[in-house]
Amino acid sequence: MSDRATWEEIRSDRARTGSRRRGYQEAENAFDLGARVRAERERLGLTQQELARRMGTSQPSVARLEAGGVTPTLDTLYRVADSLGLELVVDFRKGATA
């Protein structure tokens, strides 16, 4: 046999890299944030179109945000919070790797 790594070994090694963990964490955060936006929008009885109008954006942008398909900018988060009558709170916490 050769000294070449198998795909399973490469995949296993990549799963442990910091950048991969960060990527998964960012995707999870975007998904959770989108779910919270959707829950608040629905609690207020707003459609995606109505929220988009309040934010000054498009309905597809709101749909992508709610689906977790994008990582919103801080400006976008402020517009979402304002449009939903909420206060945006940004905090730093000690992470699992810190």
PDB file of N, CA and C in Angstrom:
ATOM      1  N   MET A   1       0.829  -1.179   0.000  1.00  0.00           N
ATOM      2  CA  MET A   1       0.000   0.000   0.000  1.00  0.00           C
ATOM      3  C   MET A   1       0.877   1.248   0.000  1.00  0.00           C
ATOM      4  N   SER A   2       0.306   2.346  -0.454  1.00  0.00           N
ATOM      5  CA  SER A   2       1.047   3.607  -0.492  1.00  0.00           C
ATOM      6  C   SER A   2       0.900   4.342   0.830  1.00  0.00           C
ATOM      7  N   ASP A   3       1.710   5.391   0.978  1.00  0.00           N
ATOM      8  CA  ASP A   3       1.644   6.226   2.177  1.00  0.00           C
ATOM      9  C   ASP A   3       0.564   7.290   2.059  1.00  0.00           C
ATOM     10  N   ARG A   4      -0.138   7.264   0.974  1.00  0.00           N
ATOM     11  CA  ARG A   4      -1.179   8.255   0.723  1.00  0.00           C
ATOM     12  C   ARG A   4      -2.372   8.035   1.650  1.00  0.00           C
ATOM     13  N   ALA A   5      -2.919   9.133   2.207  1.00  0.00           N
ATOM     14  CA  ALA A   5      -4.056   9.049   3.119  1.00  0.00           C
ATOM     15  C   ALA A   5      -5.320   8.692   2.353  1.00  0.00           C
ATOM     16  N   THR A   6      -6.206   7.994   3.020  1.00  0.00           N
ATOM     17  CA  THR A   6      -7.503   7.674   2.432  1.00  0.00           C
ATOM     18  C   THR A   6      -8.441   8.874   2.594  1.00  0.00           C
ATOM     19  N   TRP A   7      -9.515   8.864   1.820  1.00  0.00           N
ATOM     20  CA  TRP A   7     -10.491   9.938   1.942  1.00  0.00           C
ATOM     21  C   TRP A   7     -11.065   9.989   3.357  1.00  0.00           C
ATOM     22  N   GLU A   8     -11.329   8.849   3.948  1.00  0.00           N
ATOM     23  CA  GLU A   8     -11.863   8.810   5.315  1.00  0.00           C
ATOM     24  C   GLU A   8     -10.897   9.466   6.302  1.00  0.00           C
ATOM     25  N   GLU A   9      -9.600   9.237   6.144  1.00  0.00           N
ATOM     26  CA  GLU A   9      -8.616   9.873   7.033  1.00  0.00           C
ATOM     27  C   GLU A   9      -8.590  11.385   6.836  1.00  0.00           C
ATOM     28  N   ILE A  10      -8.635  11.813   5.585  1.00  0.00           N
ATOM     29  CA  ILE A  10      -8.637  13.252   5.290  1.00  0.00           C
ATOM     30  C   ILE A  10      -9.887  13.905   5.855  1.00  0.00           C
ATOM     31  N   ARG A  11     -11.031  13.290   5.625  1.00  0.00           N
ATOM     32  CA  ARG A  11     -12.291  13.838   6.112  1.00  0.00           C
ATOM     33  C   ARG A  11     -12.299  13.904   7.635  1.00  0.00           C
ATOM     34  N   SER A  12     -11.804  12.884   8.291  1.00  0.00           N
ATOM     35  CA  SER A  12     -11.746  12.848   9.746  1.00  0.00           C
ATOM     36  C   SER A  12     -10.833  13.957  10.281  1.00  0.00           C
ATOM     37  N   ASP A  13      -9.681  14.147   9.628  1.00  0.00           N
ATOM     38  CA  ASP A  13      -8.755  15.207  10.056  1.00  0.00           C
ATOM     39  C   ASP A  13      -9.358  16.583   9.851  1.00  0.00           C
ATOM     40  N   ARG A  14     -10.045  16.787   8.751  1.00  0.00           N
ATOM     41  CA  ARG A  14     -10.665  18.089   8.474  1.00  0.00           C
ATOM     42  C   ARG A  14     -11.772  18.403   9.462  1.00  0.00           C
ATOM     43  N   ALA A  15     -12.454  17.386   9.934  1.00  0.00           N
ATOM     44  CA  ALA A  15     -13.555  17.603  10.879  1.00  0.00           C
ATOM     45  C   ALA A  15     -13.055  18.211  12.179  1.00  0.00           C
ATOM     46  N   ARG A  16     -11.772  18.033  12.458  1.00  0.00           N
ATOM     47  CA  ARG A  16     -11.225  18.544  13.710  1.00  0.00           C
ATOM     48  C   ARG A  16     -10.588  19.923  13.570  1.00  0.00           C
ATOM     49  N   THR A  17     -10.576  20.490  12.388  1.00  0.00           N
ATOM     50  CA  THR A  17      -9.922  21.785  12.203  1.00  0.00           C
ATOM     51  C   THR A  17     -10.765  22.913  12.784  1.00  0.00           C
ATOM     52  N   GLY A  18     -10.077  23.942  13.245  1.00  0.00           N
ATOM     53  CA  GLY A  18     -10.759  25.091  13.828  1.00  0.00           C
ATOM     54  C   GLY A  18     -11.648  25.814  12.844  1.00  0.00           C
ATOM     55  N   SER A  19     -11.192  25.941  11.600  1.00  0.00           N
ATOM     56  CA  SER A  19     -11.997  26.664  10.616  1.00  0.00           C
ATOM     57  C   SER A  19     -13.284  25.906  10.304  1.00  0.00           C
ATOM     58  N   ARG A  20     -13.230  24.610  10.297  1.00  0.00           N
ATOM     59  CA  ARG A  20     -14.450  23.835  10.042  1.00  0.00           C
ATOM     60  C   ARG A  20     -15.437  23.977  11.200  1.00  0.00           C
ATOM     61  N   ARG A  21     -14.917  23.904  12.428  1.00  0.00           N
ATOM     62  CA  ARG A  21     -15.785  24.092  13.597  1.00  0.00           C
ATOM     63  C   ARG A  21     -16.414  25.478  13.571  1.00  0.00           C
ATOM     64  N   ARG A  22     -15.618  26.500  13.240  1.00  0.00           N
ATOM     65  CA  ARG A  22     -16.149  27.862  13.158  1.00  0.00           C
ATOM     66  C   ARG A  22     -17.218  27.962  12.090  1.00  0.00           C
ATOM     67  N   GLY A  23     -16.993  27.315  10.952  1.00  0.00           N
ATOM     68  CA  GLY A  23     -17.981  27.330   9.875  1.00  0.00           C
ATOM     69  C   GLY A  23     -19.301  26.730  10.307  1.00  0.00           C
ATOM     70  N   TYR A  24     -19.237  25.587  10.977  1.00  0.00           N
ATOM     71  CA  TYR A  24     -20.451  24.962  11.477  1.00  0.00           C
ATOM     72  C   TYR A  24     -21.126  25.843  12.525  1.00  0.00           C
ATOM     73  N   GLN A  25     -20.328  26.467  13.410  1.00  0.00           N
ATOM     74  CA  GLN A  25     -20.894  27.329  14.446  1.00  0.00           C
ATOM     75  C   GLN A  25     -21.563  28.546  13.823  1.00  0.00           C
ATOM     76  N   GLU A  26     -20.936  29.141  12.816  1.00  0.00           N
ATOM     77  CA  GLU A  26     -21.541  30.293  12.138  1.00  0.00           C
ATOM     78  C   GLU A  26     -22.847  29.905  11.455  1.00  0.00           C
ATOM     79  N   ALA A  27     -22.870  28.738  10.827  1.00  0.00           N
ATOM     80  CA  ALA A  27     -24.095  28.264  10.175  1.00  0.00           C
ATOM     81  C   ALA A  27     -25.190  28.013  11.207  1.00  0.00           C
ATOM     82  N   GLU A  28     -24.821  27.429  12.333  1.00  0.00           N
ATOM     83  CA  GLU A  28     -25.800  27.181  13.389  1.00  0.00           C
ATOM     84  C   GLU A  28     -26.335  28.502  13.951  1.00  0.00           C
ATOM     85  N   ASN A  29     -25.438  29.466  14.158  1.00  0.00           N
ATOM     86  CA  ASN A  29     -25.863  30.771  14.668  1.00  0.00           C
ATOM     87  C   ASN A  29     -26.819  31.463  13.695  1.00  0.00           C
ATOM     88  N   ALA A  30     -26.505  31.413  12.401  1.00  0.00           N
ATOM     89  CA  ALA A  30     -27.364  32.039  11.392  1.00  0.00           C
ATOM     90  C   ALA A  30     -28.737  31.364  11.382  1.00  0.00           C
ATOM     91  N   PHE A  31     -28.761  30.051  11.505  1.00  0.00           N
ATOM     92  CA  PHE A  31     -30.026  29.313  11.535  1.00  0.00           C
ATOM     93  C   PHE A  31     -30.850  29.702  12.760  1.00  0.00           C
ATOM     94  N   ASP A  32     -30.197  29.728  13.938  1.00  0.00           N
ATOM     95  CA  ASP A  32     -30.896  30.086  15.179  1.00  0.00           C
ATOM     96  C   ASP A  32     -31.416  31.517  15.129  1.00  0.00           C
ATOM     97  N   LEU A  33     -30.607  32.425  14.623  1.00  0.00           N
ATOM     98  CA  LEU A  33     -31.013  33.820  14.516  1.00  0.00           C
ATOM     99  C   LEU A  33     -32.218  33.959  13.583  1.00  0.00           C
ATOM    100  N   GLY A  34     -32.170  33.265  12.452  1.00  0.00           N
ATOM    101  CA  GLY A  34     -33.286  33.300  11.513  1.00  0.00           C
ATOM    102  C   GLY A  34     -34.565  32.781  12.133  1.00  0.00           C
ATOM    103  N   ALA A  35     -34.450  31.724  12.914  1.00  0.00           N
ATOM    104  CA  ALA A  35     -35.629  31.160  13.586  1.00  0.00           C
ATOM    105  C   ALA A  35     -36.207  32.153  14.589  1.00  0.00           C
ATOM    106  N   ARG A  36     -35.344  32.894  15.267  1.00  0.00           N
ATOM    107  CA  ARG A  36     -35.820  33.893  16.235  1.00  0.00           C
ATOM    108  C   ARG A  36     -36.517  35.046  15.527  1.00  0.00           C
ATOM    109  N   VAL A  37     -35.956  35.477  14.393  1.00  0.00           N
ATOM    110  CA  VAL A  37     -36.590  36.552  13.624  1.00  0.00           C
ATOM    111  C   VAL A  37     -37.971  36.097  13.163  1.00  0.00           C
ATOM    112  N   ARG A  38     -38.048  34.890  12.625  1.00  0.00           N
ATOM    113  CA  ARG A  38     -39.333  34.378  12.151  1.00  0.00           C
ATOM    114  C   ARG A  38     -40.356  34.297  13.284  1.00  0.00           C
ATOM    115  N   ALA A  39     -39.931  33.787  14.442  1.00  0.00           N
ATOM    116  CA  ALA A  39     -40.842  33.656  15.578  1.00  0.00           C
ATOM    117  C   ALA A  39     -41.375  35.020  16.008  1.00  0.00           C
ATOM    118  N   GLU A  40     -40.510  36.018  16.050  1.00  0.00           N
ATOM    119  CA  GLU A  40     -40.942  37.365  16.444  1.00  0.00           C
ATOM    120  C   GLU A  40     -41.870  37.972  15.386  1.00  0.00           C
ATOM    121  N   ARG A  41     -41.538  37.761  14.126  1.00  0.00           N
ATOM    122  CA  ARG A  41     -42.381  38.274  13.043  1.00  0.00           C
ATOM    123  C   ARG A  41     -43.775  37.660  13.127  1.00  0.00           C
ATOM    124  N   GLU A  42     -43.820  36.348  13.307  1.00  0.00           N
ATOM    125  CA  GLU A  42     -45.101  35.657  13.395  1.00  0.00           C
ATOM    126  C   GLU A  42     -45.872  36.050  14.659  1.00  0.00           C
ATOM    127  N   ARG A  43     -45.154  36.276  15.760  1.00  0.00           N
ATOM    128  CA  ARG A  43     -45.794  36.703  17.003  1.00  0.00           C
ATOM    129  C   ARG A  43     -46.532  38.029  16.793  1.00  0.00           C
ATOM    130  N   LEU A  44     -45.939  38.892  15.980  1.00  0.00           N
ATOM    131  CA  LEU A  44     -46.557  40.190  15.685  1.00  0.00           C
ATOM    132  C   LEU A  44     -47.596  40.110  14.569  1.00  0.00           C
ATOM    133  N   GLY A  45     -47.732  38.939  13.943  1.00  0.00           N
ATOM    134  CA  GLY A  45     -48.711  38.766  12.873  1.00  0.00           C
ATOM    135  C   GLY A  45     -48.288  39.430  11.572  1.00  0.00           C
ATOM    136  N   LEU A  46     -46.979  39.584  11.371  1.00  0.00           N
ATOM    137  CA  LEU A  46     -46.477  40.216  10.146  1.00  0.00           C
ATOM    138  C   LEU A  46     -46.139  39.170   9.097  1.00  0.00           C
ATOM    139  N   THR A  47     -46.304  39.525   7.844  1.00  0.00           N
ATOM    140  CA  THR A  47     -45.817  38.686   6.755  1.00  0.00           C
ATOM    141  C   THR A  47     -44.362  39.058   6.492  1.00  0.00           C
ATOM    142  N   GLN A  48     -43.678  38.230   5.733  1.00  0.00           N
ATOM    143  CA  GLN A  48     -42.313  38.564   5.334  1.00  0.00           C
ATOM    144  C   GLN A  48     -42.307  39.858   4.531  1.00  0.00           C
ATOM    145  N   GLN A  49     -43.314  40.049   3.701  1.00  0.00           N
ATOM    146  CA  GLN A  49     -43.418  41.262   2.885  1.00  0.00           C
ATOM    147  C   GLN A  49     -43.541  42.500   3.777  1.00  0.00           C
ATOM    148  N   GLU A  50     -44.363  42.395   4.824  1.00  0.00           N
ATOM    149  CA  GLU A  50     -44.538  43.535   5.725  1.00  0.00           C
ATOM    150  C   GLU A  50     -43.251  43.849   6.494  1.00  0.00           C
ATOM    151  N   LEU A  51     -42.562  42.815   6.954  1.00  0.00           N
ATOM    152  CA  LEU A  51     -41.291  43.038   7.642  1.00  0.00           C
ATOM    153  C   LEU A  51     -40.278  43.654   6.687  1.00  0.00           C
ATOM    154  N   ALA A  52     -40.225  43.153   5.471  1.00  0.00           N
ATOM    155  CA  ALA A  52     -39.303  43.692   4.471  1.00  0.00           C
ATOM    156  C   ALA A  52     -39.569  45.171   4.225  1.00  0.00           C
ATOM    157  N   ARG A  53     -40.830  45.542   4.119  1.00  0.00           N
ATOM    158  CA  ARG A  53     -41.180  46.945   3.902  1.00  0.00           C
ATOM    159  C   ARG A  53     -40.709  47.801   5.064  1.00  0.00           C
ATOM    160  N   ARG A  54     -40.930  47.331   6.278  1.00  0.00           N
ATOM    161  CA  ARG A  54     -40.489  48.066   7.463  1.00  0.00           C
ATOM    162  C   ARG A  54     -38.970  48.220   7.505  1.00  0.00           C
ATOM    163  N   MET A  55     -38.274  47.195   7.031  1.00  0.00           N
ATOM    164  CA  MET A  55     -36.808  47.210   7.054  1.00  0.00           C
ATOM    165  C   MET A  55     -36.200  47.963   5.874  1.00  0.00           C
ATOM    166  N   GLY A  56     -37.006  48.190   4.839  1.00  0.00           N
ATOM    167  CA  GLY A  56     -36.475  48.809   3.631  1.00  0.00           C
ATOM    168  C   GLY A  56     -35.682  47.838   2.782  1.00  0.00           C
ATOM    169  N   THR A  57     -36.162  46.605   2.727  1.00  0.00           N
ATOM    170  CA  THR A  57     -35.486  45.569   1.944  1.00  0.00           C
ATOM    171  C   THR A  57     -36.542  44.760   1.190  1.00  0.00           C
ATOM    172  N   SER A  58     -36.147  43.640   0.624  1.00  0.00           N
ATOM    173  CA  SER A  58     -37.064  42.816  -0.160  1.00  0.00           C
ATOM    174  C   SER A  58     -37.533  41.595   0.637  1.00  0.00           C
ATOM    175  N   GLN A  59     -38.665  41.049   0.229  1.00  0.00           N
ATOM    176  CA  GLN A  59     -39.184  39.836   0.868  1.00  0.00           C
ATOM    177  C   GLN A  59     -38.212  38.672   0.728  1.00  0.00           C
ATOM    178  N   PRO A  60     -37.574  38.468  -0.452  1.00  0.00           N
ATOM    179  CA  PRO A  60     -36.613  37.367  -0.531  1.00  0.00           C
ATOM    180  C   PRO A  60     -35.435  37.521   0.443  1.00  0.00           C
ATOM    181  N   SER A  61     -35.046  38.760   0.733  1.00  0.00           N
ATOM    182  CA  SER A  61     -33.966  38.980   1.713  1.00  0.00           C
ATOM    183  C   SER A  61     -34.401  38.527   3.102  1.00  0.00           C
ATOM    184  N   VAL A  62     -35.647  38.823   3.453  1.00  0.00           N
ATOM    185  CA  VAL A  62     -36.173  38.384   4.745  1.00  0.00           C
ATOM    186  C   VAL A  62     -36.258  36.859   4.765  1.00  0.00           C
ATOM    187  N   ALA A  63     -36.689  36.262   3.672  1.00  0.00           N
ATOM    188  CA  ALA A  63     -36.789  34.800   3.598  1.00  0.00           C
ATOM    189  C   ALA A  63     -35.417  34.149   3.786  1.00  0.00           C
ATOM    190  N   ARG A  64     -34.386  34.694   3.140  1.00  0.00           N
ATOM    191  CA  ARG A  64     -33.030  34.146   3.301  1.00  0.00           C
ATOM    192  C   ARG A  64     -32.553  34.286   4.736  1.00  0.00           C
ATOM    193  N   LEU A  65     -32.842  35.432   5.345  1.00  0.00           N
ATOM    194  CA  LEU A  65     -32.453  35.659   6.739  1.00  0.00           C
ATOM    195  C   LEU A  65     -33.135  34.650   7.652  1.00  0.00           C
ATOM    196  N   GLU A  66     -34.434  34.474   7.479  1.00  0.00           N
ATOM    197  CA  GLU A  66     -35.187  33.542   8.326  1.00  0.00           C
ATOM    198  C   GLU A  66     -34.771  32.086   8.109  1.00  0.00           C
ATOM    199  N   ALA A  67     -34.322  31.763   6.928  1.00  0.00           N
ATOM    200  CA  ALA A  67     -33.904  30.391   6.624  1.00  0.00           C
ATOM    201  C   ALA A  67     -32.488  30.112   7.124  1.00  0.00           C
ATOM    202  N   GLY A  68     -31.802  31.158   7.579  1.00  0.00           N
ATOM    203  CA  GLY A  68     -30.431  30.975   8.037  1.00  0.00           C
ATOM    204  C   GLY A  68     -29.443  30.907   6.898  1.00  0.00           C
ATOM    205  N   GLY A  69     -29.868  31.371   5.728  1.00  0.00           N
ATOM    206  CA  GLY A  69     -29.009  31.295   4.547  1.00  0.00           C
ATOM    207  C   GLY A  69     -27.980  32.396   4.442  1.00  0.00           C
ATOM    208  N   VAL A  70     -28.042  33.372   5.327  1.00  0.00           N
ATOM    209  CA  VAL A  70     -27.086  34.475   5.310  1.00  0.00           C
ATOM    210  C   VAL A  70     -26.680  34.805   6.742  1.00  0.00           C
ATOM    211  N   THR A  71     -25.482  35.351   6.878  1.00  0.00           N
ATOM    212  CA  THR A  71     -25.052  35.897   8.157  1.00  0.00           C
ATOM    213  C   THR A  71     -25.259  37.397   8.065  1.00  0.00           C
ATOM    214  N   PRO A  72     -26.240  37.928   8.791  1.00  0.00           N
ATOM    215  CA  PRO A  72     -26.583  39.343   8.644  1.00  0.00           C
ATOM    216  C   PRO A  72     -25.511  40.264   9.228  1.00  0.00           C
ATOM    217  N   THR A  73     -25.436  41.461   8.669  1.00  0.00           N
ATOM    218  CA  THR A  73     -24.545  42.482   9.201  1.00  0.00           C
ATOM    219  C   THR A  73     -25.172  43.076  10.457  1.00  0.00           C
ATOM    220  N   LEU A  74     -24.379  43.788  11.198  1.00  0.00           N
ATOM    221  CA  LEU A  74     -24.889  44.451  12.387  1.00  0.00           C
ATOM    222  C   LEU A  74     -25.965  45.467  12.017  1.00  0.00           C
ATOM    223  N   ASP A  75     -25.773  46.176  10.915  1.00  0.00           N
ATOM    224  CA  ASP A  75     -26.771  47.130  10.445  1.00  0.00           C
ATOM    225  C   ASP A  75     -28.107  46.433  10.170  1.00  0.00           C
ATOM    226  N   THR A  76     -28.056  45.276   9.533  1.00  0.00           N
ATOM    227  CA  THR A  76     -29.279  44.516   9.249  1.00  0.00           C
ATOM    228  C   THR A  76     -29.959  44.097  10.544  1.00  0.00           C
ATOM    229  N   LEU A  77     -29.183  43.663  11.511  1.00  0.00           N
ATOM    230  CA  LEU A  77     -29.768  43.251  12.788  1.00  0.00           C
ATOM    231  C   LEU A  77     -30.443  44.419  13.492  1.00  0.00           C
ATOM    232  N   TYR A  78     -29.838  45.611  13.418  1.00  0.00           N
ATOM    233  CA  TYR A  78     -30.478  46.789  14.002  1.00  0.00           C
ATOM    234  C   TYR A  78     -31.797  47.098  13.298  1.00  0.00           C
ATOM    235  N   ARG A  79     -31.821  46.971  11.964  1.00  0.00           N
ATOM    236  CA  ARG A  79     -33.055  47.234  11.224  1.00  0.00           C
ATOM    237  C   ARG A  79     -34.126  46.206  11.554  1.00  0.00           C
ATOM    238  N   VAL A  80     -33.732  44.946  11.711  1.00  0.00           N
ATOM    239  CA  VAL A  80     -34.688  43.901  12.093  1.00  0.00           C
ATOM    240  C   VAL A  80     -35.268  44.223  13.464  1.00  0.00           C
ATOM    241  N   ALA A  81     -34.399  44.496  14.420  1.00  0.00           N
ATOM    242  CA  ALA A  81     -34.850  44.776  15.778  1.00  0.00           C
ATOM    243  C   ALA A  81     -35.792  45.975  15.799  1.00  0.00           C
ATOM    244  N   ASP A  82     -35.413  47.046  15.125  1.00  0.00           N
ATOM    245  CA  ASP A  82     -36.244  48.243  15.082  1.00  0.00           C
ATOM    246  C   ASP A  82     -37.597  47.943  14.441  1.00  0.00           C
ATOM    247  N   SER A  83     -37.579  47.187  13.370  1.00  0.00           N
ATOM    248  CA  SER A  83     -38.811  46.850  12.649  1.00  0.00           C
ATOM    249  C   SER A  83     -39.744  45.968  13.462  1.00  0.00           C
ATOM    250  N   LEU A  84     -39.179  45.199  14.387  1.00  0.00           N
ATOM    251  CA  LEU A  84     -39.985  44.307  15.225  1.00  0.00           C
ATOM    252  C   LEU A  84     -40.257  44.903  16.608  1.00  0.00           C
ATOM    253  N   GLY A  85     -39.783  46.138  16.830  1.00  0.00           N
ATOM    254  CA  GLY A  85     -39.996  46.780  18.124  1.00  0.00           C
ATOM    255  C   GLY A  85     -39.175  46.152  19.231  1.00  0.00           C
ATOM    256  N   LEU A  86     -37.993  45.660  18.878  1.00  0.00           N
ATOM    257  CA  LEU A  86     -37.128  44.993  19.845  1.00  0.00           C
ATOM    258  C   LEU A  86     -35.838  45.783  20.041  1.00  0.00           C
ATOM    259  N   GLU A  87     -35.139  45.477  21.113  1.00  0.00           N
ATOM    260  CA  GLU A  87     -33.821  46.047  21.366  1.00  0.00           C
ATOM    261  C   GLU A  87     -32.781  45.001  20.977  1.00  0.00           C
ATOM    262  N   LEU A  88     -31.803  45.403  20.184  1.00  0.00           N
ATOM    263  CA  LEU A  88     -30.719  44.493  19.825  1.00  0.00           C
ATOM    264  C   LEU A  88     -29.658  44.568  20.912  1.00  0.00           C
ATOM    265  N   VAL A  89     -29.285  43.418  21.445  1.00  0.00           N
ATOM    266  CA  VAL A  89     -28.250  43.330  22.466  1.00  0.00           C
ATOM    267  C   VAL A  89     -27.129  42.470  21.908  1.00  0.00           C
ATOM    268  N   VAL A  90     -25.933  43.037  21.832  1.00  0.00           N
ATOM    269  CA  VAL A  90     -24.759  42.301  21.355  1.00  0.00           C
ATOM    270  C   VAL A  90     -23.846  42.092  22.548  1.00  0.00           C
ATOM    271  N   ASP A  91     -23.364  40.883  22.717  1.00  0.00           N
ATOM    272  CA  ASP A  91     -22.579  40.544  23.902  1.00  0.00           C
ATOM    273  C   ASP A  91     -21.426  39.626  23.512  1.00  0.00           C
ATOM    274  N   PHE A  92     -20.332  39.713  24.260  1.00  0.00           N
ATOM    275  CA  PHE A  92     -19.222  38.769  24.108  1.00  0.00           C
ATOM    276  C   PHE A  92     -19.261  37.838  25.304  1.00  0.00           C
ATOM    277  N   ARG A  93     -19.101  36.542  25.020  1.00  0.00           N
ATOM    278  CA  ARG A  93     -19.077  35.548  26.085  1.00  0.00           C
ATOM    279  C   ARG A  93     -17.882  34.634  25.893  1.00  0.00           C
ATOM    280  N   LYS A  94     -17.425  34.090  26.950  1.00  0.00           N
ATOM    281  CA  LYS A  94     -16.319  33.144  26.886  1.00  0.00           C
ATOM    282  C   LYS A  94     -16.780  31.903  26.146  1.00  0.00           C
ATOM    283  N   GLY A  95     -16.051  31.544  25.086  1.00  0.00           N
ATOM    284  CA  GLY A  95     -16.431  30.404  24.272  1.00  0.00           C
ATOM    285  C   GLY A  95     -15.830  29.113  24.780  1.00  0.00           C
ATOM    286  N   ALA A  96     -16.216  28.043  24.146  1.00  0.00           N
ATOM    287  CA  ALA A  96     -15.738  26.713  24.543  1.00  0.00           C
ATOM    288  C   ALA A  96     -14.253  26.545  24.275  1.00  0.00           C
ATOM    289  N   THR A  97     -13.721  27.287  23.289  1.00  0.00           N
ATOM    290  CA  THR A  97     -12.314  27.135  22.949  1.00  0.00           C
ATOM    291  C   THR A  97     -11.428  28.172  23.629  1.00  0.00           C
ATOM    292  N   ALA A  98     -12.029  29.127  24.323  1.00  0.00           N
ATOM    293  CA  ALA A  98     -11.265  30.208  24.959  1.00  0.00           C
ATOM    294  C   ALA A  98     -10.709  29.770  26.282  1.00  0.00           C
TER     295      ALA A  98
END
